[in-house]
Structures are given as structure tokens and as C-alpha cells.
Amino acid sequence: MNEVLILAARRYDFERDGRRVQGCELTYVQRDADGATNRRGHSPLKVQAPISVWEQLVQVPGIYDLELRFRPGRDNKAEFSVTGAQYLGAAQIFTLGEGQSPPSDALSA
């Protein structure tokens, strides 16, 4: 399971060299922090996805299980692409109001 918190999504649709280009860009964080000693928290990641993934986004921000496909890339290094997104639940990132604080685990559904 590739459970992530999708923070934002942006759809695009344009023409380049006479070809139509469609898709979406997802900005997300993984459940586990990256663990680097010189960072704290979760570094947002970005990935391109087909337009069909845009249609699967029920609510953003939200918790999703990303479907990934791996293929050999340059020098046979693994590259992945997002092929689908299954909605798992809502994510409350901020709690607004005086005297209230954000939930301790923003990734829990």
C-alpha cells in the first residue's frame, strides 16, 4: 500500500508541437518523514499523473492509496508512474479557531 496525503492537485491541458497534452500534478507527503538528520517533518513530493487520476480525486487534501507502475529508465534504473488513486479518507490539516491546535497526526483518517 502506498498511502499518502495528497495536499494539492493541478490539472493541465494544452497543445505542444500539435499534440494535446493532458494530465495532472500531485503534491503529496508520505506517512513517514524522510529521516534526514538535517530536516524535520515531511518534505512535499510532486509527481505527474495521467488525467484519469484527476477524475479519481474525491477530496483534496485527502488520504489516498496510490497505484504505481515501475519500468526501467535510463541506465535501467527504476522509474515509477502513478496509474491510479484510491480514496481512503478525509484529512484535516488545520483546526481553525482560537485555542485549538492541529491534530497530532494529520495523516490519520
C-alpha atoms as a PDB file:
ATOM      1  CA  MET A   1       0.000   0.000   0.000  1.00  0.00           C
ATOM      2  CA  ASN A   2       1.352   3.426  -0.975  1.00  0.00           C
ATOM      3  CA  GLU A   3      -0.626   5.539   1.459  1.00  0.00           C
ATOM      4  CA  VAL A   4      -0.052   9.273   1.011  1.00  0.00           C
ATOM      5  CA  LEU A   5      -1.636  12.580   1.938  1.00  0.00           C
ATOM      6  CA  ILE A   6      -2.353  14.479  -1.269  1.00  0.00           C
ATOM      7  CA  LEU A   7      -2.051  18.158  -0.393  1.00  0.00           C
ATOM      8  CA  ALA A   8      -2.811  19.644  -3.804  1.00  0.00           C
ATOM      9  CA  ALA A   9      -3.576  18.656  -7.380  1.00  0.00           C
ATOM     10  CA  ARG A  10      -3.319  20.706 -10.564  1.00  0.00           C
ATOM     11  CA  ARG A  11      -4.837  19.643 -13.877  1.00  0.00           C
ATOM     12  CA  TYR A  12      -3.303  20.685 -17.189  1.00  0.00           C
ATOM     13  CA  ASP A  13      -4.489  20.520 -20.785  1.00  0.00           C
ATOM     14  CA  PHE A  14      -2.522  22.212 -23.582  1.00  0.00           C
ATOM     15  CA  GLU A  15      -1.059  21.668 -27.041  1.00  0.00           C
ATOM     16  CA  ARG A  16       2.652  21.243 -27.753  1.00  0.00           C
ATOM     17  CA  ASP A  17       4.002  20.719 -31.252  1.00  0.00           C
ATOM     18  CA  GLY A  18       0.491  19.949 -32.494  1.00  0.00           C
ATOM     19  CA  ARG A  19      -0.059  17.314 -29.778  1.00  0.00           C
ATOM     20  CA  ARG A  20      -2.585  17.559 -26.969  1.00  0.00           C
ATOM     21  CA  VAL A  21      -1.000  17.098 -23.530  1.00  0.00           C
ATOM     22  CA  GLN A  22      -3.263  16.261 -20.592  1.00  0.00           C
ATOM     23  CA  GLY A  23      -2.533  15.177 -17.066  1.00  0.00           C
ATOM     24  CA  CYS A  24      -2.258  16.332 -13.516  1.00  0.00           C
ATOM     25  CA  GLU A  25       0.436  17.103 -10.999  1.00  0.00           C
ATOM     26  CA  LEU A  26       0.034  15.791  -7.456  1.00  0.00           C
ATOM     27  CA  THR A  27       1.761  17.318  -4.447  1.00  0.00           C
ATOM     28  CA  TYR A  28       1.839  14.859  -1.567  1.00  0.00           C
ATOM     29  CA  VAL A  29       3.615  13.713   1.566  1.00  0.00           C
ATOM     30  CA  GLN A  30       4.281  10.186   2.700  1.00  0.00           C
ATOM     31  CA  ARG A  31       3.291   8.937   6.128  1.00  0.00           C
ATOM     32  CA  ASP A  32       6.911   8.553   7.247  1.00  0.00           C
ATOM     33  CA  ALA A  33       9.201  11.575   7.447  1.00  0.00           C
ATOM     34  CA  ASP A  34      12.248  11.300   5.198  1.00  0.00           C
ATOM     35  CA  GLY A  35      14.548  10.689   8.188  1.00  0.00           C
ATOM     36  CA  ALA A  36      17.337  13.021   7.106  1.00  0.00           C
ATOM     37  CA  THR A  37      19.271  14.396  10.049  1.00  0.00           C
ATOM     38  CA  ASN A  38      19.202  17.947   8.675  1.00  0.00           C
ATOM     39  CA  ARG A  39      15.401  18.086   8.186  1.00  0.00           C
ATOM     40  CA  ARG A  40      12.276  17.886  10.283  1.00  0.00           C
ATOM     41  CA  GLY A  41       8.819  16.933   9.175  1.00  0.00           C
ATOM     42  CA  HIS A  42       7.588  15.825   5.793  1.00  0.00           C
ATOM     43  CA  SER A  43       9.081  17.154   2.573  1.00  0.00           C
ATOM     44  CA  PRO A  44       6.366  17.535  -0.095  1.00  0.00           C
ATOM     45  CA  LEU A  45       6.895  15.493  -3.246  1.00  0.00           C
ATOM     46  CA  LYS A  46       5.497  16.130  -6.735  1.00  0.00           C
ATOM     47  CA  VAL A  47       4.595  13.609  -9.396  1.00  0.00           C
ATOM     48  CA  GLN A  48       2.902  13.770 -12.790  1.00  0.00           C
ATOM     49  CA  ALA A  49      -0.089  11.512 -13.407  1.00  0.00           C
ATOM     50  CA  PRO A  50      -2.490  10.827 -16.276  1.00  0.00           C
ATOM     51  CA  ILE A  51      -5.731  12.807 -16.486  1.00  0.00           C
ATOM     52  CA  SER A  52      -7.628   9.685 -15.380  1.00  0.00           C
ATOM     53  CA  VAL A  53      -6.102  10.101 -11.904  1.00  0.00           C
ATOM     54  CA  TRP A  54      -7.581  13.617 -11.688  1.00  0.00           C
ATOM     55  CA  GLU A  55     -11.053  12.067 -12.037  1.00  0.00           C
ATOM     56  CA  GLN A  56     -10.316   9.703  -9.107  1.00  0.00           C
ATOM     57  CA  LEU A  57      -9.592  12.531  -6.654  1.00  0.00           C
ATOM     58  CA  VAL A  58     -12.649  12.639  -4.397  1.00  0.00           C
ATOM     59  CA  GLN A  59     -11.377  15.249  -1.934  1.00  0.00           C
ATOM     60  CA  VAL A  60      -8.117  17.169  -1.668  1.00  0.00           C
ATOM     61  CA  PRO A  61      -6.452  17.282   0.765  1.00  0.00           C
ATOM     62  CA  GLY A  62      -7.150  13.626   1.376  1.00  0.00           C
ATOM     63  CA  ILE A  63      -5.610  10.263   2.143  1.00  0.00           C
ATOM     64  CA  TYR A  64      -5.080   8.064  -0.923  1.00  0.00           C
ATOM     65  CA  ASP A  65      -3.528   4.761  -1.849  1.00  0.00           C
ATOM     66  CA  LEU A  66      -1.524   5.484  -4.991  1.00  0.00           C
ATOM     67  CA  GLU A  67      -1.283   2.758  -7.626  1.00  0.00           C
ATOM     68  CA  LEU A  68       2.230   2.744  -9.047  1.00  0.00           C
ATOM     69  CA  ARG A  69       3.806   1.198 -12.116  1.00  0.00           C
ATOM     70  CA  PHE A  70       7.550   0.645 -12.292  1.00  0.00           C
ATOM     71  CA  ARG A  71       9.579   0.407 -15.502  1.00  0.00           C
ATOM     72  CA  PRO A  72      13.246   0.533 -16.443  1.00  0.00           C
ATOM     73  CA  GLY A  73      14.517   4.032 -17.131  1.00  0.00           C
ATOM     74  CA  ARG A  74      17.874   5.472 -18.064  1.00  0.00           C
ATOM     75  CA  ASP A  75      20.694   3.013 -17.333  1.00  0.00           C
ATOM     76  CA  ASN A  76      17.988   0.526 -16.262  1.00  0.00           C
ATOM     77  CA  LYS A  77      17.264   2.487 -13.100  1.00  0.00           C
ATOM     78  CA  ALA A  78      13.713   2.024 -11.886  1.00  0.00           C
ATOM     79  CA  GLU A  79      11.251   4.815 -12.666  1.00  0.00           C
ATOM     80  CA  PHE A  80       7.699   4.890 -11.409  1.00  0.00           C
ATOM     81  CA  SER A  81       4.500   6.443 -12.610  1.00  0.00           C
ATOM     82  CA  VAL A  82       1.173   6.891 -10.861  1.00  0.00           C
ATOM     83  CA  THR A  83      -1.588   4.949 -12.604  1.00  0.00           C
ATOM     84  CA  GLY A  84      -4.426   5.360 -10.105  1.00  0.00           C
ATOM     85  CA  ALA A  85      -5.515   6.784  -6.770  1.00  0.00           C
ATOM     86  CA  GLN A  86      -7.950   5.147  -4.366  1.00  0.00           C
ATOM     87  CA  TYR A  87      -9.568   7.497  -1.839  1.00  0.00           C
ATOM     88  CA  LEU A  88      -9.152   6.260   1.739  1.00  0.00           C
ATOM     89  CA  GLY A  89     -10.481   9.199   3.741  1.00  0.00           C
ATOM     90  CA  ALA A  90     -10.501  12.872   4.570  1.00  0.00           C
ATOM     91  CA  ALA A  91      -7.550  14.671   6.107  1.00  0.00           C
ATOM     92  CA  GLN A  92      -7.905  17.559   8.490  1.00  0.00           C
ATOM     93  CA  ILE A  93      -4.702  19.527   8.252  1.00  0.00           C
ATOM     94  CA  PHE A  94      -5.598  22.660  10.206  1.00  0.00           C
ATOM     95  CA  THR A  95      -8.052  23.212  13.004  1.00  0.00           C
ATOM     96  CA  LEU A  96      -9.216  26.805  12.894  1.00  0.00           C
ATOM     97  CA  GLY A  97     -10.370  28.663  15.944  1.00  0.00           C
ATOM     98  CA  GLU A  98      -8.948  30.292  18.996  1.00  0.00           C
ATOM     99  CA  GLY A  99      -7.331  27.960  21.481  1.00  0.00           C
ATOM    100  CA  GLN A 100      -7.415  24.971  19.152  1.00  0.00           C
ATOM    101  CA  SER A 101      -4.341  23.252  17.820  1.00  0.00           C
ATOM    102  CA  PRO A 102      -3.806  20.986  14.791  1.00  0.00           C
ATOM    103  CA  PRO A 103      -4.322  17.269  15.324  1.00  0.00           C
ATOM    104  CA  SER A 104      -1.184  15.450  16.438  1.00  0.00           C
ATOM    105  CA  ASP A 105      -1.275  13.147  13.397  1.00  0.00           C
ATOM    106  CA  ALA A 106      -2.573  14.964  10.320  1.00  0.00           C
ATOM    107  CA  LEU A 107      -2.225  11.780   8.278  1.00  0.00           C
ATOM    108  CA  SER A 108      -4.737   9.763  10.261  1.00  0.00           C
ATOM    109  CA  ALA A 109      -8.077   9.447   8.551  1.00  0.00           C
END
